[in-house]
Protein backbone atom coordinates (compact mmCIF):
# COMPACT_ATOMS: atom_id res chain seq x y z
CA MET A 1 16.85 -8.67 -5.42
CA LYS A 2 13.62 -10.81 -6.20
CA ASN A 3 12.60 -10.23 -2.67
CA LEU A 4 12.91 -6.52 -2.96
CA ILE A 5 10.94 -6.53 -6.13
CA SER A 6 8.24 -8.72 -4.60
CA ILE A 7 8.08 -6.36 -1.59
CA ARG A 8 7.60 -3.37 -3.75
CA ILE A 9 5.02 -4.89 -5.93
CA SER A 10 3.28 -6.01 -2.72
CA VAL A 11 3.17 -2.59 -1.48
CA GLY A 12 1.93 -1.39 -4.69
CA ILE A 13 -0.90 -3.87 -4.59
CA ILE A 14 -1.67 -2.85 -0.95
CA LEU A 15 -1.89 0.74 -1.98
CA ALA A 16 -4.18 0.09 -4.88
CA GLY A 17 -6.24 -2.06 -2.41
CA ILE A 18 -6.32 0.96 -0.02
CA THR A 19 -7.66 3.13 -2.93
CA LEU A 20 -10.48 0.46 -3.51
CA LEU A 21 -11.25 -0.03 0.29
CA PRO A 22 -14.23 2.38 0.34
CA ILE A 23 -15.79 0.48 -2.82
CA PHE A 24 -15.20 -2.94 -1.25
CA ALA A 25 -16.48 -1.73 2.05
CA SER A 26 -19.95 -1.17 0.35
CA ALA A 27 -19.46 -4.07 -2.04
CA GLN A 28 -22.77 -5.74 -0.81
CA GLN A 29 -24.68 -2.86 -2.31
CA ILE A 30 -23.03 -3.00 -5.68
CA ASN A 31 -23.76 -5.68 -8.27
CA GLN A 32 -20.75 -7.73 -9.75
CA GLN A 33 -20.69 -5.96 -12.89
CA ARG A 34 -20.45 -2.54 -11.36
CA LEU A 35 -17.77 -3.89 -9.05
CA LYS A 36 -15.62 -5.17 -11.96
CA GLU A 37 -16.15 -1.74 -13.69
CA LEU A 38 -15.03 0.27 -10.58
CA SER A 39 -12.11 -2.11 -9.90
CA GLU A 40 -10.84 -1.76 -13.48
CA LYS A 41 -11.18 1.87 -13.28
CA TYR A 42 -9.42 2.32 -10.06
CA ALA A 43 -6.63 -0.18 -10.81
CA LEU A 44 -5.84 1.71 -14.00
CA ALA A 45 -5.73 4.91 -11.88
CA SER A 46 -3.26 3.50 -9.40
CA LEU A 47 -0.84 2.46 -12.15
CA PRO A 48 1.19 6.02 -12.21
CA MET A 49 1.42 5.59 -8.28
CA LEU A 50 2.76 2.08 -8.79
CA ARG A 51 5.14 3.25 -11.32
CA GLU A 52 6.39 6.12 -9.18
CA LEU A 53 7.08 3.68 -6.26
CA LEU A 54 8.84 1.31 -8.59
CA SER A 55 11.12 3.96 -9.83
CA ILE A 56 12.61 4.81 -6.43
CA PRO A 57 16.03 3.01 -6.15
CA ASN A 58 15.52 0.09 -3.52
CA ASP A 59 18.95 -1.47 -2.95
CA ALA A 60 19.10 -2.44 0.85
CA PHE A 61 22.85 -2.10 0.67
CA TYR A 62 22.38 1.77 0.39
CA PRO A 63 20.46 2.96 3.43
CA ASN A 64 19.58 6.23 1.52
CA ASN A 65 17.54 4.17 -0.98
CA ILE A 66 15.54 2.59 1.77
CA GLU A 67 14.87 5.87 3.41
CA LYS A 68 13.56 7.21 0.24
CA ASN A 69 11.18 4.33 -0.04
CA VAL A 70 10.04 4.49 3.53
CA LYS A 71 9.41 8.22 3.19
CA TRP A 72 7.38 7.72 -0.03
CA CYS A 73 5.29 5.13 1.59
CA GLU A 74 4.79 7.24 4.74
CA GLU A 75 3.46 10.18 2.62
CA ALA A 76 1.33 7.76 0.43
CA PHE A 77 -0.29 6.34 3.58
CA LYS A 78 -0.71 9.84 5.33
CA GLU A 79 -2.58 10.95 2.18
CA ARG A 80 -5.03 8.21 2.79
CA ASN A 81 -5.56 9.10 6.41
CA PHE A 82 -3.33 6.41 7.95
CA THR A 83 -1.21 6.99 10.81
CA THR A 84 2.40 5.63 10.46
CA ARG A 85 5.09 4.48 12.79
CA ARG A 86 8.68 3.37 11.97
CA ILE A 87 9.87 0.32 13.72
CA ALA A 88 13.79 0.19 14.13
CA THR A 89 15.42 -2.91 13.15
CA LYS A 90 19.12 -3.91 12.90
CA ALA A 91 18.81 -3.55 9.25
CA ALA A 92 16.27 -1.39 7.26
CA PRO A 93 13.40 0.30 9.18
CA LEU A 94 9.94 -1.22 9.00
CA LEU A 95 6.70 0.91 8.47
CA LEU A 96 3.51 0.22 10.29
CA ALA A 97 0.59 1.94 8.75
CA GLU A 98 -2.75 1.89 10.46
CA ARG A 99 -6.14 3.60 9.76
CA LYS A 100 -8.70 3.38 12.43
CA VAL A 101 -12.30 3.19 11.13
CA LYS A 102 -15.13 4.16 13.68
CA LYS A 103 -17.80 1.30 13.98
CA ALA A 104 -15.61 -1.04 12.05
CA LYS A 105 -17.01 -4.55 12.22
CA LYS A 106 -13.86 -6.34 11.23
CA ASN A 107 -10.12 -5.66 11.36
CA SER A 108 -7.78 -6.65 8.66
CA ALA A 109 -4.04 -6.77 8.04
CA CYS A 110 -2.09 -6.80 4.65
CA LEU A 111 1.31 -8.36 4.80
CA PRO A 112 3.48 -9.10 1.96
CA ALA A 113 4.15 -12.84 1.34
CA GLY A 114 7.71 -13.54 1.83
């Protein structure tokens, strides 16, 4: 159960990070104080979304619970211009979300610690 909660919190943090991505992408042009202000503003704004995610039942014993979580995540990523792809496993499906950025200088991956 702790692993499921940890994964859900990790997804919430990733989604909050995605919300902040445009700000961090131009962080060199923003002073530290302004960056702190924007981070707090967007972190607080993302709390309802995190609450919504955490309110979805998430017991891996019940496939319908996992399906609800995967669908929620698919929609959340699509709203942010990510493409998503399900990866079938013997247990619950995995969800791969990707957003390609033209002229990106770096690639990054966010994976929950496990």
